[in-house]
N, C-alpha and C. Protein backbone atom coordinates (compact mmCIF):
# COMPACT_ATOMS: atom_id res chain seq x y z
N MET A 1 0.84 -1.18 0.00
CA MET A 1 0.00 0.00 0.00
C MET A 1 0.89 1.24 0.00
N THR A 2 0.61 2.15 -0.88
CA THR A 2 1.34 3.41 -0.96
C THR A 2 0.52 4.51 -0.31
N LEU A 3 1.15 5.26 0.57
CA LEU A 3 0.48 6.41 1.18
C LEU A 3 0.43 7.55 0.18
N GLU A 4 -0.57 8.40 0.33
CA GLU A 4 -0.67 9.61 -0.47
C GLU A 4 -0.51 10.80 0.46
N ILE A 5 0.41 11.69 0.13
CA ILE A 5 0.69 12.86 0.94
C ILE A 5 0.28 14.11 0.18
N CYS A 6 -0.55 14.93 0.80
CA CYS A 6 -0.90 16.23 0.24
C CYS A 6 0.02 17.27 0.87
N ALA A 7 0.77 17.97 0.04
CA ALA A 7 1.76 18.92 0.52
C ALA A 7 1.59 20.26 -0.17
N LYS A 8 2.03 21.31 0.48
CA LYS A 8 1.96 22.66 -0.07
C LYS A 8 2.96 22.82 -1.21
N ALA A 9 2.48 23.36 -2.32
CA ALA A 9 3.36 23.68 -3.44
C ALA A 9 4.04 25.02 -3.19
N ALA A 10 5.18 25.22 -3.80
CA ALA A 10 5.89 26.49 -3.67
C ALA A 10 5.08 27.62 -4.31
N VAL A 11 5.13 28.80 -3.73
CA VAL A 11 4.43 29.96 -4.27
C VAL A 11 5.02 30.30 -5.64
N GLY A 12 4.16 30.36 -6.64
CA GLY A 12 4.61 30.69 -7.99
C GLY A 12 5.21 29.53 -8.76
N ALA A 13 5.32 28.37 -8.13
CA ALA A 13 5.89 27.19 -8.78
C ALA A 13 5.09 25.96 -8.35
N PRO A 14 3.93 25.73 -8.95
CA PRO A 14 3.04 24.66 -8.48
C PRO A 14 3.57 23.24 -8.63
N ASP A 15 4.68 23.06 -9.35
CA ASP A 15 5.27 21.73 -9.51
C ASP A 15 6.46 21.50 -8.59
N THR A 16 6.66 22.41 -7.61
CA THR A 16 7.79 22.33 -6.69
C THR A 16 7.28 22.27 -5.26
N LEU A 17 7.90 21.43 -4.44
CA LEU A 17 7.53 21.32 -3.04
C LEU A 17 7.73 22.65 -2.33
N GLY A 18 6.75 23.04 -1.51
CA GLY A 18 6.81 24.30 -0.79
C GLY A 18 7.65 24.23 0.47
N ASP A 19 7.49 25.25 1.33
CA ASP A 19 8.36 25.41 2.49
C ASP A 19 7.70 25.05 3.82
N CYS A 20 6.68 24.19 3.82
CA CYS A 20 5.99 23.82 5.06
C CYS A 20 6.87 22.86 5.87
N PRO A 21 7.33 23.26 7.06
CA PRO A 21 8.20 22.39 7.84
C PRO A 21 7.49 21.13 8.34
N PHE A 22 6.18 21.20 8.52
CA PHE A 22 5.43 20.04 8.99
C PHE A 22 5.38 18.96 7.91
N THR A 23 5.17 19.38 6.68
CA THR A 23 5.18 18.45 5.55
C THR A 23 6.57 17.89 5.35
N GLN A 24 7.59 18.74 5.44
CA GLN A 24 8.96 18.27 5.26
C GLN A 24 9.33 17.21 6.30
N ARG A 25 8.84 17.37 7.52
CA ARG A 25 9.10 16.38 8.56
C ARG A 25 8.49 15.03 8.19
N VAL A 26 7.25 15.05 7.71
CA VAL A 26 6.58 13.81 7.30
C VAL A 26 7.35 13.15 6.16
N LEU A 27 7.73 13.93 5.15
CA LEU A 27 8.44 13.38 4.00
C LEU A 27 9.81 12.83 4.38
N LEU A 28 10.52 13.52 5.24
CA LEU A 28 11.83 13.02 5.70
C LEU A 28 11.68 11.70 6.45
N THR A 29 10.65 11.60 7.27
CA THR A 29 10.41 10.36 8.02
C THR A 29 10.09 9.21 7.08
N LEU A 30 9.24 9.45 6.09
CA LEU A 30 8.90 8.40 5.13
C LEU A 30 10.14 7.97 4.34
N GLU A 31 10.96 8.91 3.93
CA GLU A 31 12.20 8.58 3.21
C GLU A 31 13.14 7.77 4.09
N GLU A 32 13.32 8.19 5.33
CA GLU A 32 14.23 7.51 6.25
C GLU A 32 13.79 6.07 6.51
N LYS A 33 12.48 5.86 6.62
CA LYS A 33 11.94 4.53 6.89
C LYS A 33 11.66 3.73 5.62
N LYS A 34 11.95 4.34 4.47
CA LYS A 34 11.77 3.70 3.17
C LYS A 34 10.32 3.24 2.95
N ILE A 35 9.39 4.10 3.34
CA ILE A 35 7.97 3.84 3.14
C ILE A 35 7.56 4.51 1.82
N PRO A 36 7.00 3.75 0.88
CA PRO A 36 6.62 4.35 -0.40
C PRO A 36 5.45 5.32 -0.24
N TYR A 37 5.48 6.38 -1.02
CA TYR A 37 4.41 7.37 -0.96
C TYR A 37 4.28 8.07 -2.30
N LYS A 38 3.12 8.66 -2.50
CA LYS A 38 2.87 9.49 -3.67
C LYS A 38 2.53 10.87 -3.15
N ILE A 39 3.10 11.90 -3.75
CA ILE A 39 2.88 13.26 -3.26
C ILE A 39 1.96 14.03 -4.21
N HIS A 40 1.03 14.76 -3.62
CA HIS A 40 0.15 15.67 -4.36
C HIS A 40 0.48 17.08 -3.90
N LEU A 41 0.98 17.90 -4.79
CA LEU A 41 1.31 19.28 -4.44
C LEU A 41 0.06 20.14 -4.57
N ILE A 42 -0.25 20.89 -3.52
CA ILE A 42 -1.46 21.70 -3.46
C ILE A 42 -1.10 23.17 -3.61
N ASP A 43 -1.67 23.81 -4.61
CA ASP A 43 -1.50 25.24 -4.82
C ASP A 43 -2.43 25.95 -3.84
N PHE A 44 -1.88 26.61 -2.83
CA PHE A 44 -2.70 27.22 -1.79
C PHE A 44 -3.51 28.42 -2.28
N SER A 45 -3.16 28.99 -3.42
CA SER A 45 -3.95 30.09 -3.95
C SER A 45 -5.18 29.58 -4.71
N ASN A 46 -5.19 28.27 -4.99
CA ASN A 46 -6.30 27.66 -5.72
C ASN A 46 -6.43 26.20 -5.27
N LYS A 47 -6.91 25.99 -4.04
CA LYS A 47 -7.01 24.63 -3.49
C LYS A 47 -8.08 23.84 -4.25
N PRO A 48 -7.73 22.61 -4.67
CA PRO A 48 -8.69 21.80 -5.41
C PRO A 48 -9.87 21.36 -4.53
N HIS A 49 -11.00 21.16 -5.17
CA HIS A 49 -12.22 20.76 -4.46
C HIS A 49 -12.02 19.43 -3.72
N TRP A 50 -11.38 18.45 -4.38
CA TRP A 50 -11.18 17.15 -3.74
C TRP A 50 -10.34 17.26 -2.48
N PHE A 51 -9.39 18.20 -2.46
CA PHE A 51 -8.55 18.39 -1.28
C PHE A 51 -9.37 18.96 -0.13
N LEU A 52 -10.22 19.93 -0.42
CA LEU A 52 -11.06 20.53 0.62
C LEU A 52 -12.12 19.56 1.13
N GLU A 53 -12.54 18.61 0.30
CA GLU A 53 -13.46 17.57 0.78
C GLU A 53 -12.75 16.64 1.76
N ALA A 54 -11.50 16.31 1.47
CA ALA A 54 -10.73 15.43 2.35
C ALA A 54 -10.32 16.14 3.63
N ASN A 55 -10.09 17.46 3.54
CA ASN A 55 -9.63 18.24 4.68
C ASN A 55 -10.25 19.63 4.61
N PRO A 56 -11.45 19.80 5.18
CA PRO A 56 -12.15 21.09 5.08
C PRO A 56 -11.38 22.30 5.61
N GLU A 57 -10.44 22.08 6.54
CA GLU A 57 -9.64 23.20 7.05
C GLU A 57 -8.62 23.67 6.02
N GLY A 58 -8.30 22.82 5.05
CA GLY A 58 -7.37 23.20 3.99
C GLY A 58 -5.92 23.29 4.42
N LYS A 59 -5.55 22.59 5.49
CA LYS A 59 -4.17 22.64 5.98
C LYS A 59 -3.40 21.41 5.50
N VAL A 60 -2.09 21.52 5.50
CA VAL A 60 -1.22 20.40 5.15
C VAL A 60 -0.28 20.13 6.32
N PRO A 61 0.30 18.97 6.43
CA PRO A 61 0.17 17.85 5.51
C PRO A 61 -1.09 17.03 5.79
N VAL A 62 -1.53 16.33 4.77
CA VAL A 62 -2.61 15.35 4.89
C VAL A 62 -2.04 14.04 4.40
N VAL A 63 -2.18 12.99 5.21
CA VAL A 63 -1.74 11.66 4.84
C VAL A 63 -2.99 10.86 4.54
N LYS A 64 -3.11 10.39 3.30
CA LYS A 64 -4.29 9.63 2.89
C LYS A 64 -3.96 8.15 2.87
N PHE A 65 -4.79 7.38 3.58
CA PHE A 65 -4.71 5.93 3.55
C PHE A 65 -5.75 5.43 2.55
N ALA A 66 -5.98 4.14 2.48
CA ALA A 66 -6.90 3.57 1.50
C ALA A 66 -8.29 4.22 1.54
N HIS A 67 -8.87 4.35 2.73
CA HIS A 67 -10.24 4.87 2.80
C HIS A 67 -10.40 6.00 3.81
N SER A 68 -9.32 6.54 4.29
CA SER A 68 -9.42 7.63 5.26
C SER A 68 -8.21 8.54 5.12
N SER A 69 -8.23 9.64 5.87
CA SER A 69 -7.09 10.54 5.85
C SER A 69 -6.76 10.99 7.26
N LEU A 70 -5.50 11.30 7.47
CA LEU A 70 -5.00 11.76 8.75
C LEU A 70 -4.55 13.20 8.56
N LYS A 71 -5.09 14.11 9.36
CA LYS A 71 -4.80 15.54 9.20
C LYS A 71 -4.02 16.05 10.38
């Protein structure tokens, strides 16, 4: 099972990881433990509808499991 991580995209560069230290901590931990994951970069100036449904507060990081999410 691969985890899905919703992370903040860099301002002005939606294809680049942003500067959220909380997200960076999660990603560093996953890398260190060699846990596979897929990252979704979220443009905070235009948050997608599916992201706000998963996390109405619109904060990151969000870790999505098979049928639930951890905020």
